[in-house]
Amino acid sequence: MNTAQFSQRVGVLFLFGAFLVTLSQPAASSLAQRLDDESARLFDYERSIGFDLKEESAKEQEGVTIRDLNYAASTQQRGRVKAYLVQP
């Protein structure tokens, strides 16, 4: 294979690669948007229901404050949600 043929093949491969990248952009962008929408739904909550945050205890340990909390779940069937808040 001579230099001219090699250059021509490299040029064709480059154009083909650029074409594939161009085609994949809208699909990747719509996929990213769908994933963002799905992730955002994870943080949806019923704003009319009270949060009812309660602190059970708090203690200092190794330079941080550890708070033992609980709050009302989104439905009464789930009861209360336990959580820890660690503050530096």
Protein backbone atom coordinates (compact mmCIF):
# COMPACT_ATOMS: atom_id res chain seq x y z
CA MET A 1 0.00 0.00 0.00
CA ASN A 2 1.47 3.35 -0.99
CA THR A 3 1.27 6.62 0.93
CA ALA A 4 -1.61 8.00 -1.15
CA GLN A 5 -3.78 4.93 -0.51
CA PHE A 6 -2.95 5.01 3.19
CA SER A 7 -3.84 8.71 3.44
CA GLN A 8 -7.10 8.09 1.59
CA ARG A 9 -8.06 5.24 3.95
CA VAL A 10 -7.21 7.30 7.02
CA GLY A 11 -9.32 10.15 5.66
CA VAL A 12 -12.30 7.84 5.03
CA LEU A 13 -12.00 6.32 8.51
CA PHE A 14 -11.80 9.79 10.05
CA LEU A 15 -14.95 10.94 8.21
CA PHE A 16 -16.78 7.75 9.20
CA GLY A 17 -15.78 8.23 12.84
CA ALA A 18 -16.90 11.87 12.79
CA PHE A 19 -20.22 10.77 11.27
CA LEU A 20 -20.76 8.19 14.04
CA VAL A 21 -19.95 10.73 16.75
CA THR A 22 -22.41 13.19 15.21
CA LEU A 23 -25.17 10.57 15.13
CA SER A 24 -24.60 9.52 18.73
CA GLN A 25 -24.87 13.04 20.22
CA PRO A 26 -28.70 13.38 20.15
CA ALA A 27 -29.16 9.86 21.53
CA ALA A 28 -26.68 10.46 24.34
CA SER A 29 -28.23 13.82 25.16
CA SER A 30 -31.77 12.40 25.31
CA LEU A 31 -30.53 9.50 27.45
CA ALA A 32 -28.86 11.95 29.83
CA GLN A 33 -32.08 13.97 30.05
CA ARG A 34 -34.13 10.83 30.81
CA LEU A 35 -31.66 9.80 33.52
CA ASP A 36 -31.80 13.31 35.02
CA ASP A 37 -35.60 13.17 35.06
CA GLU A 38 -35.60 9.72 36.68
CA SER A 39 -33.05 10.82 39.29
CA ALA A 40 -35.05 13.95 40.09
CA ARG A 41 -38.14 11.81 40.75
CA LEU A 42 -36.21 10.04 43.52
CA PHE A 43 -36.34 13.29 45.49
CA ASP A 44 -40.04 14.01 44.89
CA TYR A 45 -42.13 14.13 48.02
CA GLU A 46 -45.61 15.11 49.14
CA ARG A 47 -45.13 18.71 50.26
CA SER A 48 -48.45 18.85 52.10
CA ILE A 49 -47.34 16.18 54.61
CA GLY A 50 -45.44 17.48 57.64
CA PHE A 51 -41.78 16.48 57.98
CA ASP A 52 -42.04 16.09 61.77
CA LEU A 53 -38.29 15.95 62.46
CA LYS A 54 -37.33 14.73 65.94
CA GLU A 55 -33.86 14.57 67.48
CA GLU A 56 -33.45 11.62 69.83
CA SER A 57 -29.89 12.36 70.92
CA ALA A 58 -26.71 14.26 70.06
CA LYS A 59 -23.13 13.58 71.09
CA GLU A 60 -19.66 14.99 70.41
CA GLN A 61 -17.14 12.42 69.29
CA GLU A 62 -13.67 12.96 67.80
CA GLY A 63 -14.42 16.51 66.70
CA VAL A 64 -17.83 15.86 65.15
CA THR A 65 -21.41 16.04 66.40
CA ILE A 66 -23.51 12.95 65.75
CA ARG A 67 -27.26 13.47 65.89
CA ASP A 68 -29.70 10.56 66.04
CA LEU A 69 -32.85 11.72 64.21
CA ASN A 70 -36.12 10.40 62.89
CA TYR A 71 -38.82 11.89 60.69
CA ALA A 72 -42.25 11.02 59.34
CA ALA A 73 -42.21 8.77 56.27
CA SER A 74 -44.17 9.66 53.15
CA THR A 75 -46.97 7.25 54.15
CA GLN A 76 -48.28 6.20 57.54
CA GLN A 77 -47.69 2.53 56.67
CA ARG A 78 -43.95 3.20 56.60
CA GLY A 79 -43.96 4.82 60.03
CA ARG A 80 -40.89 6.88 60.88
CA VAL A 81 -37.52 6.96 59.14
CA LYS A 82 -34.38 6.79 61.30
CA ALA A 83 -31.31 8.78 60.30
CA TYR A 84 -27.96 10.08 61.53
CA LEU A 85 -26.66 13.56 60.87
CA VAL A 86 -22.90 13.95 61.27
CA GLN A 87 -21.69 17.55 61.54
CA PRO A 88 -18.00 18.47 61.42
